[in-house]
Amino acid sequence: MARKQLITLLKVLVSGGLLYFVFTKIPLADIVPVLRKAKPFYLLFALLFFIVSKVVAAARLNCYFRQIDIFLTQKSNLKLYLLGMFYNLFLPGGIGGDAYKGYVIKQRFETATKKVVAVLLLDRLSGLLLLLVYACLLAFAMDIPYLTDFKWALLLLPLLAVLVFWGLNKRFFKSTLPVFWPSFGFSALVQLAQLFAVYCILKALAISIHGVAYMFIFLISSIVSVIPLTIGGIGSRELTFLYGADFLGLQEDTSVAISLVFFLITAFVSLFGLVYHFKKPELEVKGK
């Protein structure tokens, strides 16, 4: 317990430190005017696309569950997924969304721990794979400094990553290999929906230029936020948007504003998981 509390404290300190650093570079007073002009109509669509991305992500995880003979209804799985989002962002004290989902599944079903851990890991890696694929495709469409002579690699890298991930599945996770391509498709839809959410945020903030560049930074920030050094990616995402804007010659205050709006949408949706914190979801099952 003491170890978990120490880890949580360190994550809070890292997140707080990164946010402090970002706001020393870009004062919050410079970002507020950007946020004030946000158009609610486009923010609503950003919210809807984000929700769609999470519904599809939950379906992807359920696809993996069924491969290890856990036949949750989509409704039960979605409730569990939402509770996991809430724990990841608001109750990081050693619980963690994935850890909690694994614990509940083990309590409800007679499934080997290794199998549960494996599908939770594969679910995460599948999402990361598509983040990399989309990031490379957007980078190929841009004129990024230092990459001009290596643009061909931006098309080769996604193919190589897919082949490596498929090989790892075949070698170490044969039981889940039949859902490799379905999960790939789910992940493609998840990240595409989130890109549409970011596009709507750009429209809400009246950003009409460099849209591809901002979406590229978003994808990179999503990859960085997976690194378990912060609370739900808080701080690391904003830092990535700050330095990404600096690297690509974009407006830093606008870039950080995009990150903050996306975080607020994430927090708003995750907060609904509070309902299932007090009233734990019953995991209903259906036939094979």
Protein backbone atom coordinates (compact mmCIF):
# COMPACT_ATOMS: atom_id res chain seq x y z
CA MET A 1 0.00 0.00 0.00
CA ALA A 2 2.83 2.38 0.88
CA ARG A 3 4.49 1.64 -2.45
CA LYS A 4 1.27 2.40 -4.34
CA GLN A 5 0.81 5.65 -2.45
CA LEU A 6 4.39 6.65 -3.21
CA ILE A 7 3.91 5.92 -6.91
CA THR A 8 0.70 7.95 -6.94
CA LEU A 9 2.39 10.84 -5.18
CA LEU A 10 5.24 10.79 -7.69
CA LYS A 11 2.77 10.81 -10.59
CA VAL A 12 0.91 13.77 -9.08
CA LEU A 13 4.20 15.62 -8.62
CA VAL A 14 5.29 14.89 -12.19
CA SER A 15 1.93 16.01 -13.62
CA GLY A 16 1.96 19.14 -11.46
CA GLY A 17 5.56 19.89 -12.34
CA LEU A 18 4.96 19.51 -16.07
CA LEU A 19 1.87 21.73 -15.95
CA TYR A 20 3.78 24.34 -13.95
CA PHE A 21 6.58 24.27 -16.52
CA VAL A 22 4.13 24.60 -19.44
CA PHE A 23 2.36 27.56 -17.86
CA THR A 24 5.63 29.31 -17.13
CA LYS A 25 6.37 29.11 -20.85
CA ILE A 26 2.80 29.98 -21.91
CA PRO A 27 0.95 31.99 -19.23
CA LEU A 28 -2.62 30.87 -18.66
CA ALA A 29 -3.67 34.46 -19.35
CA ASP A 30 -2.54 33.98 -22.96
CA ILE A 31 -4.59 30.80 -23.35
CA VAL A 32 -7.85 32.01 -21.80
CA PRO A 33 -8.70 34.35 -24.72
CA VAL A 34 -8.30 31.42 -27.11
CA LEU A 35 -10.66 29.31 -25.01
CA ARG A 36 -13.23 32.08 -24.60
CA LYS A 37 -13.90 32.27 -28.33
CA ALA A 38 -14.70 28.53 -28.53
CA LYS A 39 -17.93 27.81 -30.39
CA PRO A 40 -20.23 25.49 -28.39
CA PHE A 41 -21.70 23.95 -31.56
CA TYR A 42 -18.37 22.45 -32.61
CA LEU A 43 -17.47 21.53 -29.03
CA LEU A 44 -20.65 19.46 -28.89
CA PHE A 45 -19.58 17.53 -31.98
CA ALA A 46 -16.09 17.08 -30.50
CA LEU A 47 -17.74 15.58 -27.42
CA LEU A 48 -19.88 13.27 -29.55
CA PHE A 49 -16.92 12.01 -31.57
CA PHE A 50 -14.97 11.41 -28.36
CA ILE A 51 -17.85 9.39 -26.93
CA VAL A 52 -18.03 7.37 -30.16
CA SER A 53 -14.30 6.63 -29.86
CA LYS A 54 -14.77 5.27 -26.34
CA VAL A 55 -17.78 3.15 -27.27
CA VAL A 56 -15.77 1.58 -30.10
CA ALA A 57 -12.76 1.13 -27.80
CA ALA A 58 -14.96 -0.72 -25.32
CA ALA A 59 -16.22 -2.96 -28.14
CA ARG A 60 -12.61 -3.70 -29.10
CA LEU A 61 -11.82 -4.81 -25.56
CA ASN A 62 -14.92 -6.99 -25.49
CA CYS A 63 -13.74 -8.57 -28.73
CA TYR A 64 -10.59 -9.67 -26.88
CA PHE A 65 -12.57 -10.83 -23.85
CA ARG A 66 -14.62 -13.21 -25.98
CA GLN A 67 -11.44 -14.88 -27.19
CA ILE A 68 -10.74 -15.98 -23.63
CA ASP A 69 -14.34 -17.16 -23.09
CA ILE A 70 -15.58 -14.06 -21.27
CA PHE A 71 -18.87 -13.23 -22.96
CA LEU A 72 -19.86 -9.90 -21.48
CA THR A 73 -22.80 -8.02 -22.93
CA GLN A 74 -21.73 -4.82 -24.66
CA LYS A 75 -23.72 -2.81 -22.11
CA SER A 76 -21.96 -4.38 -19.12
CA ASN A 77 -18.59 -4.03 -20.78
CA LEU A 78 -19.23 -0.36 -21.56
CA LYS A 79 -20.13 0.33 -17.92
CA LEU A 80 -16.91 -1.37 -16.79
CA TYR A 81 -14.92 0.58 -19.38
CA LEU A 82 -16.40 3.87 -18.21
CA LEU A 83 -15.59 3.05 -14.60
CA GLY A 84 -12.03 2.29 -15.70
CA MET A 85 -11.81 5.74 -17.34
CA PHE A 86 -12.97 7.33 -14.09
CA TYR A 87 -10.39 5.45 -12.02
CA ASN A 88 -7.60 6.33 -14.46
CA LEU A 89 -8.26 10.05 -14.19
CA PHE A 90 -9.83 10.70 -10.81
CA LEU A 91 -8.76 7.84 -8.54
CA PRO A 92 -5.22 6.97 -9.58
CA GLY A 93 -4.22 5.83 -6.09
CA GLY A 94 -2.84 2.48 -7.20
CA ILE A 95 -6.20 1.38 -8.64
CA GLY A 96 -5.87 2.21 -12.32
CA GLY A 97 -8.55 1.48 -14.86
CA ASP A 98 -6.92 -1.56 -16.44
CA ALA A 99 -5.95 -3.01 -13.06
CA TYR A 100 -9.50 -2.65 -11.80
CA LYS A 101 -11.01 -4.20 -14.92
CA GLY A 102 -8.65 -7.13 -14.57
CA TYR A 103 -9.56 -7.55 -10.90
CA VAL A 104 -13.32 -7.50 -11.58
CA ILE A 105 -13.01 -9.97 -14.47
CA LYS A 106 -11.00 -12.35 -12.27
CA GLN A 107 -13.61 -12.10 -9.53
CA ARG A 108 -16.48 -12.84 -11.89
CA PHE A 109 -14.99 -15.44 -14.24
CA GLU A 110 -12.75 -18.46 -13.85
CA THR A 111 -10.08 -17.27 -16.24
CA ALA A 112 -6.32 -17.49 -15.85
CA THR A 113 -4.72 -14.25 -14.72
CA LYS A 114 -2.19 -14.41 -17.57
CA LYS A 115 -4.98 -14.46 -20.14
CA VAL A 116 -6.73 -11.45 -18.60
CA VAL A 117 -3.50 -9.47 -18.41
CA ALA A 118 -2.66 -10.46 -21.97
CA VAL A 119 -5.91 -9.17 -23.49
CA LEU A 120 -5.71 -5.92 -21.51
CA LEU A 121 -2.16 -5.43 -22.76
CA LEU A 122 -3.06 -6.29 -26.36
CA ASP A 123 -5.99 -3.89 -26.22
CA ARG A 124 -3.62 -1.06 -25.28
CA LEU A 125 -0.99 -2.05 -27.84
CA SER A 126 -3.58 -2.23 -30.60
CA GLY A 127 -4.53 1.37 -29.89
CA LEU A 128 -0.89 2.45 -29.84
CA LEU A 129 -0.29 0.73 -33.16
CA LEU A 130 -2.94 2.81 -34.91
CA LEU A 131 -1.69 5.99 -33.26
CA LEU A 132 1.67 5.26 -34.86
CA VAL A 133 0.10 4.43 -38.24
CA TYR A 134 -1.94 7.63 -38.38
CA ALA A 135 0.96 9.74 -37.09
CA CYS A 136 3.22 8.44 -39.87
CA LEU A 137 0.56 9.08 -42.52
CA LEU A 138 0.00 12.65 -41.33
CA ALA A 139 3.75 13.25 -41.09
CA PHE A 140 4.08 12.04 -44.69
CA ALA A 141 1.52 14.65 -45.74
CA MET A 142 3.49 17.42 -44.03
CA ASP A 143 6.84 19.10 -44.62
CA ILE A 144 8.49 18.29 -41.33
CA PRO A 145 12.05 19.57 -40.81
CA TYR A 146 14.74 16.89 -40.90
CA LEU A 147 12.38 14.30 -42.43
CA THR A 148 12.37 15.48 -46.03
CA ASP A 149 14.99 12.95 -47.09
CA PHE A 150 13.34 10.11 -45.17
CA LYS A 151 9.68 10.46 -46.13
CA TRP A 152 9.68 7.00 -47.68
CA ALA A 153 10.32 5.61 -44.19
CA LEU A 154 7.06 7.17 -42.99
CA LEU A 155 5.18 4.74 -45.22
CA LEU A 156 7.43 1.77 -44.46
CA LEU A 157 7.31 2.19 -40.67
CA PRO A 158 3.53 1.58 -40.28
CA LEU A 159 3.76 -1.56 -42.40
CA LEU A 160 6.72 -2.80 -40.37
CA ALA A 161 4.92 -2.03 -37.09
CA VAL A 162 1.82 -3.97 -38.19
CA LEU A 163 3.93 -6.97 -39.23
CA VAL A 164 5.87 -6.94 -35.95
CA PHE A 165 2.70 -6.69 -33.88
CA TRP A 166 1.10 -9.50 -35.87
CA GLY A 167 4.23 -11.62 -35.36
CA LEU A 168 4.17 -11.00 -31.60
CA ASN A 169 0.51 -12.02 -31.51
CA LYS A 170 1.25 -15.20 -33.44
CA ARG A 171 4.25 -16.06 -31.28
CA PHE A 172 2.99 -15.23 -27.78
CA PHE A 173 -0.80 -14.75 -27.96
CA LYS A 174 -2.11 -17.41 -30.32
CA SER A 175 -5.48 -17.57 -28.59
CA THR A 176 -6.24 -13.98 -29.61
CA LEU A 177 -4.80 -14.15 -33.13
CA PRO A 178 -8.26 -14.67 -34.75
CA VAL A 179 -9.30 -11.17 -33.62
CA PHE A 180 -6.10 -9.43 -34.73
CA TRP A 181 -7.65 -7.83 -37.79
CA PRO A 182 -11.03 -7.05 -36.15
CA SER A 183 -9.18 -5.33 -33.30
CA PHE A 184 -7.06 -3.50 -35.89
CA GLY A 185 -10.27 -2.24 -37.50
CA PHE A 186 -11.74 -1.19 -34.15
CA SER A 187 -8.53 0.69 -33.32
CA ALA A 188 -8.59 2.43 -36.69
CA LEU A 189 -12.12 3.65 -35.94
CA VAL A 190 -11.19 4.71 -32.39
CA GLN A 191 -8.31 6.92 -33.48
CA LEU A 192 -10.21 8.22 -36.50
CA ALA A 193 -13.10 9.30 -34.23
CA GLN A 194 -10.64 11.07 -31.94
CA LEU A 195 -9.05 12.83 -34.90
CA PHE A 196 -12.51 14.04 -35.88
CA ALA A 197 -12.95 15.23 -32.28
CA VAL A 198 -9.72 17.22 -32.55
CA TYR A 199 -10.84 18.60 -35.92
CA CYS A 200 -14.04 19.83 -34.26
CA ILE A 201 -11.96 21.42 -31.49
CA LEU A 202 -9.96 23.24 -34.16
CA LYS A 203 -13.20 24.48 -35.71
CA ALA A 204 -14.49 25.51 -32.28
CA LEU A 205 -11.36 27.59 -31.70
CA ALA A 206 -11.57 29.08 -35.21
CA ILE A 207 -8.26 27.51 -36.26
CA SER A 208 -8.37 27.36 -40.04
CA ILE A 209 -4.73 26.65 -40.88
CA HIS A 210 -2.19 23.98 -39.95
CA GLY A 211 -4.96 21.56 -39.00
CA VAL A 212 -2.96 18.50 -40.08
CA ALA A 213 0.00 19.65 -38.00
CA TYR A 214 -2.11 20.07 -34.86
CA MET A 215 -3.67 16.64 -35.37
CA PHE A 216 -0.20 15.17 -35.81
CA ILE A 217 0.87 16.70 -32.49
CA PHE A 218 -2.27 15.27 -30.90
CA LEU A 219 -1.36 11.76 -32.05
CA ILE A 220 2.17 12.11 -30.70
CA SER A 221 0.81 13.46 -27.41
CA SER A 222 -1.54 10.46 -27.18
CA ILE A 223 1.44 8.12 -27.54
CA VAL A 224 3.42 10.05 -24.92
CA SER A 225 0.47 10.14 -22.49
CA VAL A 226 0.46 6.33 -22.35
CA ILE A 227 3.81 6.40 -20.55
CA PRO A 228 2.82 5.79 -16.88
CA LEU A 229 4.66 8.77 -15.40
CA THR A 230 1.69 11.09 -14.97
CA ILE A 231 -1.96 11.02 -13.87
CA GLY A 232 -3.97 10.15 -16.98
CA GLY A 233 -1.44 11.88 -19.22
CA ILE A 234 -2.03 15.25 -17.51
CA GLY A 235 1.01 17.44 -18.06
CA SER A 236 2.74 15.18 -20.56
CA ARG A 237 0.09 15.88 -23.22
CA GLU A 238 0.31 19.65 -22.68
CA LEU A 239 4.10 19.52 -22.77
CA THR A 240 3.98 17.62 -26.06
CA PHE A 241 1.62 20.19 -27.55
CA LEU A 242 3.93 22.99 -26.39
CA TYR A 243 7.11 21.56 -27.86
CA GLY A 244 5.32 20.16 -30.90
CA ALA A 245 4.09 23.64 -31.75
CA ASP A 246 7.58 25.06 -31.23
CA PHE A 247 9.11 22.38 -33.46
CA LEU A 248 6.59 22.88 -36.26
CA GLY A 249 6.48 26.65 -36.03
CA LEU A 250 2.90 26.85 -34.76
CA GLN A 251 1.29 29.11 -32.17
CA GLU A 252 2.15 27.67 -28.78
CA ASP A 253 -0.78 29.19 -26.88
CA THR A 254 -3.24 27.82 -29.45
CA SER A 255 -1.60 24.42 -29.34
CA VAL A 256 -1.82 24.17 -25.55
CA ALA A 257 -5.43 25.40 -25.69
CA ILE A 258 -6.31 22.46 -27.96
CA SER A 259 -4.78 20.10 -25.41
CA LEU A 260 -6.73 21.65 -22.54
CA VAL A 261 -10.05 21.43 -24.39
CA PHE A 262 -9.41 17.76 -25.19
CA PHE A 263 -8.58 17.12 -21.53
CA LEU A 264 -11.78 18.83 -20.38
CA ILE A 265 -13.82 16.65 -22.75
CA THR A 266 -12.03 13.55 -21.48
CA ALA A 267 -12.61 14.55 -17.86
CA PHE A 268 -16.28 15.33 -18.50
CA VAL A 269 -16.95 11.90 -20.02
CA SER A 270 -14.83 10.07 -17.44
CA LEU A 271 -16.74 11.73 -14.61
CA PHE A 272 -19.85 9.72 -15.54
CA GLY A 273 -17.97 6.65 -14.31
CA LEU A 274 -18.55 8.00 -10.80
CA VAL A 275 -22.04 6.47 -10.97
CA TYR A 276 -20.53 2.98 -11.22
CA HIS A 277 -18.03 3.69 -8.47
CA PHE A 278 -20.87 3.87 -5.96
CA LYS A 279 -23.07 1.32 -7.72
CA LYS A 280 -20.76 -1.30 -9.10
CA PRO A 281 -21.93 -2.57 -12.51
CA GLU A 282 -23.26 -6.10 -12.64
CA LEU A 283 -21.41 -8.02 -15.32
CA GLU A 284 -24.08 -9.67 -17.42
CA VAL A 285 -23.12 -12.36 -19.86
CA LYS A 286 -24.66 -13.68 -23.05
CA GLY A 287 -24.33 -16.91 -24.98
CA LYS A 288 -21.44 -17.68 -27.29
